Amino acid sequence: MKPSFRTVTLTLIAMVAIVGLAAGGLAQEEQAHFDGTLLSVDVTTQTIVVEAENQTRTTFAYDSETEVAGDETVQGLAAEAGTRIRVMYDEPEGDALPMARQISVLEE
């Protein structure tokens, strides 16, 4: 038996709604971030150290895929020690460091 036009239409509408809700849920997932003062950049170990206002220091790993706002590179930030930055990062697994995915300079 062939499905009716109405059944096919309702099925398609339901599928579009489910996909839309799923995509919306993924888009709302906020990436972790850390705001603070850049203390150091170590190009040998590919890490940066950032200190929050409450003096909590966090070390982040970075790699070639880490984006820096503007024309800057992570290595170029070494000259910017003391600058307030925001690090968007992936939560670490196990004993790994959090991985910096995007770094931007914050306005004072």
C-alpha atoms as a PDB file:
ATOM      1  CA  MET A   1       0.000   0.000   0.000  1.00  0.00           C
ATOM      2  CA  LYS A   2       1.342   3.361  -1.065  1.00  0.00           C
ATOM      3  CA  PRO A   3       1.587   6.052   1.707  1.00  0.00           C
ATOM      4  CA  SER A   4      -0.657   9.060   1.219  1.00  0.00           C
ATOM      5  CA  PHE A   5       0.657  12.490   0.355  1.00  0.00           C
ATOM      6  CA  ARG A   6      -0.426  13.707   3.806  1.00  0.00           C
ATOM      7  CA  THR A   7       1.529  10.940   5.582  1.00  0.00           C
ATOM      8  CA  VAL A   8       4.678  11.681   3.577  1.00  0.00           C
ATOM      9  CA  THR A   9       4.340  15.431   4.209  1.00  0.00           C
ATOM     10  CA  LEU A  10       3.855  15.000   7.973  1.00  0.00           C
ATOM     11  CA  THR A  11       6.793  12.603   8.145  1.00  0.00           C
ATOM     12  CA  LEU A  12       9.052  15.101   6.343  1.00  0.00           C
ATOM     13  CA  ILE A  13       7.930  17.945   8.619  1.00  0.00           C
ATOM     14  CA  ALA A  14       8.653  15.830  11.694  1.00  0.00           C
ATOM     15  CA  MET A  15      12.106  14.900  10.378  1.00  0.00           C
ATOM     16  CA  VAL A  16      12.980  18.532   9.644  1.00  0.00           C
ATOM     17  CA  ALA A  17      11.828  19.550  13.137  1.00  0.00           C
ATOM     18  CA  ILE A  18      13.934  16.844  14.793  1.00  0.00           C
ATOM     19  CA  VAL A  19      17.043  17.768  12.799  1.00  0.00           C
ATOM     20  CA  GLY A  20      16.475  21.459  13.564  1.00  0.00           C
ATOM     21  CA  LEU A  21      16.143  20.829  17.292  1.00  0.00           C
ATOM     22  CA  ALA A  22      19.246  18.652  17.327  1.00  0.00           C
ATOM     23  CA  ALA A  23      21.296  21.266  15.466  1.00  0.00           C
ATOM     24  CA  GLY A  24      20.022  24.020  17.748  1.00  0.00           C
ATOM     25  CA  GLY A  25      21.061  22.042  20.799  1.00  0.00           C
ATOM     26  CA  LEU A  26      24.565  21.614  19.427  1.00  0.00           C
ATOM     27  CA  ALA A  27      24.860  25.281  18.554  1.00  0.00           C
ATOM     28  CA  GLN A  28      23.898  26.306  22.085  1.00  0.00           C
ATOM     29  CA  GLU A  29      26.703  24.257  23.625  1.00  0.00           C
ATOM     30  CA  GLU A  30      29.152  26.892  24.815  1.00  0.00           C
ATOM     31  CA  GLN A  31      32.868  26.261  24.573  1.00  0.00           C
ATOM     32  CA  ALA A  32      34.823  26.625  27.807  1.00  0.00           C
ATOM     33  CA  HIS A  33      36.787  29.846  28.179  1.00  0.00           C
ATOM     34  CA  PHE A  34      39.264  31.399  30.600  1.00  0.00           C
ATOM     35  CA  ASP A  35      39.868  35.143  30.942  1.00  0.00           C
ATOM     36  CA  GLY A  36      43.073  36.421  32.472  1.00  0.00           C
ATOM     37  CA  THR A  37      46.477  38.000  32.081  1.00  0.00           C
ATOM     38  CA  LEU A  38      48.972  36.333  29.773  1.00  0.00           C
ATOM     39  CA  LEU A  39      52.055  35.502  31.844  1.00  0.00           C
ATOM     40  CA  SER A  40      54.171  33.516  29.403  1.00  0.00           C
ATOM     41  CA  VAL A  41      54.404  31.657  26.111  1.00  0.00           C
ATOM     42  CA  ASP A  42      56.762  28.680  25.838  1.00  0.00           C
ATOM     43  CA  VAL A  43      57.306  27.851  22.169  1.00  0.00           C
ATOM     44  CA  THR A  44      59.370  24.752  23.022  1.00  0.00           C
ATOM     45  CA  THR A  45      56.584  23.012  24.962  1.00  0.00           C
ATOM     46  CA  GLN A  46      53.820  24.849  23.053  1.00  0.00           C
ATOM     47  CA  THR A  47      52.155  26.123  26.226  1.00  0.00           C
ATOM     48  CA  ILE A  48      50.871  29.422  27.546  1.00  0.00           C
ATOM     49  CA  VAL A  49      50.266  30.402  31.163  1.00  0.00           C
ATOM     50  CA  VAL A  50      47.346  32.684  32.033  1.00  0.00           C
ATOM     51  CA  GLU A  51      46.456  34.115  35.433  1.00  0.00           C
ATOM     52  CA  ALA A  52      42.859  34.964  36.396  1.00  0.00           C
ATOM     53  CA  GLU A  53      41.921  37.933  38.585  1.00  0.00           C
ATOM     54  CA  ASN A  54      41.755  35.600  41.610  1.00  0.00           C
ATOM     55  CA  GLN A  55      45.422  34.621  40.986  1.00  0.00           C
ATOM     56  CA  THR A  56      44.483  31.156  39.651  1.00  0.00           C
ATOM     57  CA  ARG A  57      47.080  30.190  37.056  1.00  0.00           C
ATOM     58  CA  THR A  58      46.229  27.828  34.235  1.00  0.00           C
ATOM     59  CA  THR A  59      48.569  26.348  31.669  1.00  0.00           C
ATOM     60  CA  PHE A  60      47.118  25.681  28.226  1.00  0.00           C
ATOM     61  CA  ALA A  61      48.612  23.671  25.385  1.00  0.00           C
ATOM     62  CA  TYR A  62      48.398  25.060  21.858  1.00  0.00           C
ATOM     63  CA  ASP A  63      49.041  23.656  18.403  1.00  0.00           C
ATOM     64  CA  SER A  64      49.071  24.715  14.766  1.00  0.00           C
ATOM     65  CA  GLU A  65      45.263  24.793  14.737  1.00  0.00           C
ATOM     66  CA  THR A  66      45.006  27.299  17.613  1.00  0.00           C
ATOM     67  CA  GLU A  67      43.587  30.543  16.221  1.00  0.00           C
ATOM     68  CA  VAL A  68      44.622  33.973  17.463  1.00  0.00           C
ATOM     69  CA  ALA A  69      42.353  36.948  16.783  1.00  0.00           C
ATOM     70  CA  GLY A  70      43.817  39.478  14.378  1.00  0.00           C
ATOM     71  CA  ASP A  71      47.068  38.898  12.525  1.00  0.00           C
ATOM     72  CA  GLU A  72      48.825  37.572  15.630  1.00  0.00           C
ATOM     73  CA  THR A  73      50.288  34.110  16.175  1.00  0.00           C
ATOM     74  CA  VAL A  74      50.572  32.347  19.515  1.00  0.00           C
ATOM     75  CA  GLN A  75      54.337  32.755  19.326  1.00  0.00           C
ATOM     76  CA  GLY A  76      53.834  36.460  18.607  1.00  0.00           C
ATOM     77  CA  LEU A  77      51.889  36.792  21.848  1.00  0.00           C
ATOM     78  CA  ALA A  78      55.132  36.163  23.755  1.00  0.00           C
ATOM     79  CA  ALA A  79      55.882  39.865  23.407  1.00  0.00           C
ATOM     80  CA  GLU A  80      52.425  40.644  24.794  1.00  0.00           C
ATOM     81  CA  ALA A  81      52.980  39.290  28.332  1.00  0.00           C
ATOM     82  CA  GLY A  82      50.773  41.267  30.722  1.00  0.00           C
ATOM     83  CA  THR A  83      47.959  41.552  28.177  1.00  0.00           C
ATOM     84  CA  ARG A  84      44.432  40.462  29.152  1.00  0.00           C
ATOM     85  CA  ILE A  85      43.282  37.607  26.938  1.00  0.00           C
ATOM     86  CA  ARG A  86      40.432  35.124  26.573  1.00  0.00           C
ATOM     87  CA  VAL A  87      41.304  31.515  25.828  1.00  0.00           C
ATOM     88  CA  MET A  88      38.592  29.302  24.338  1.00  0.00           C
ATOM     89  CA  TYR A  89      39.657  25.738  25.027  1.00  0.00           C
ATOM     90  CA  ASP A  90      38.751  22.069  24.911  1.00  0.00           C
ATOM     91  CA  GLU A  91      38.427  20.334  28.265  1.00  0.00           C
ATOM     92  CA  PRO A  92      41.361  18.012  28.893  1.00  0.00           C
ATOM     93  CA  GLU A  93      41.120  14.244  29.022  1.00  0.00           C
ATOM     94  CA  GLY A  94      43.041  12.501  31.781  1.00  0.00           C
ATOM     95  CA  ASP A  95      46.245  14.300  32.749  1.00  0.00           C
ATOM     96  CA  ALA A  96      46.457  16.322  29.536  1.00  0.00           C
ATOM     97  CA  LEU A  97      46.497  20.115  29.548  1.00  0.00           C
ATOM     98  CA  PRO A  98      43.451  21.996  28.286  1.00  0.00           C
ATOM     99  CA  MET A  99      43.936  22.667  24.553  1.00  0.00           C
ATOM    100  CA  ALA A 100      43.645  26.315  23.493  1.00  0.00           C
ATOM    101  CA  ARG A 101      41.486  26.570  20.363  1.00  0.00           C
ATOM    102  CA  GLN A 102      41.108  30.357  20.081  1.00  0.00           C
ATOM    103  CA  ILE A 103      42.866  33.242  21.797  1.00  0.00           C
ATOM    104  CA  SER A 104      41.673  36.830  21.695  1.00  0.00           C
ATOM    105  CA  VAL A 105      42.941  40.024  23.323  1.00  0.00           C
ATOM    106  CA  LEU A 106      40.408  41.602  25.701  1.00  0.00           C
ATOM    107  CA  GLU A 107      39.790  45.339  25.756  1.00  0.00           C
ATOM    108  CA  GLU A 108      40.978  46.993  28.953  1.00  0.00           C
END
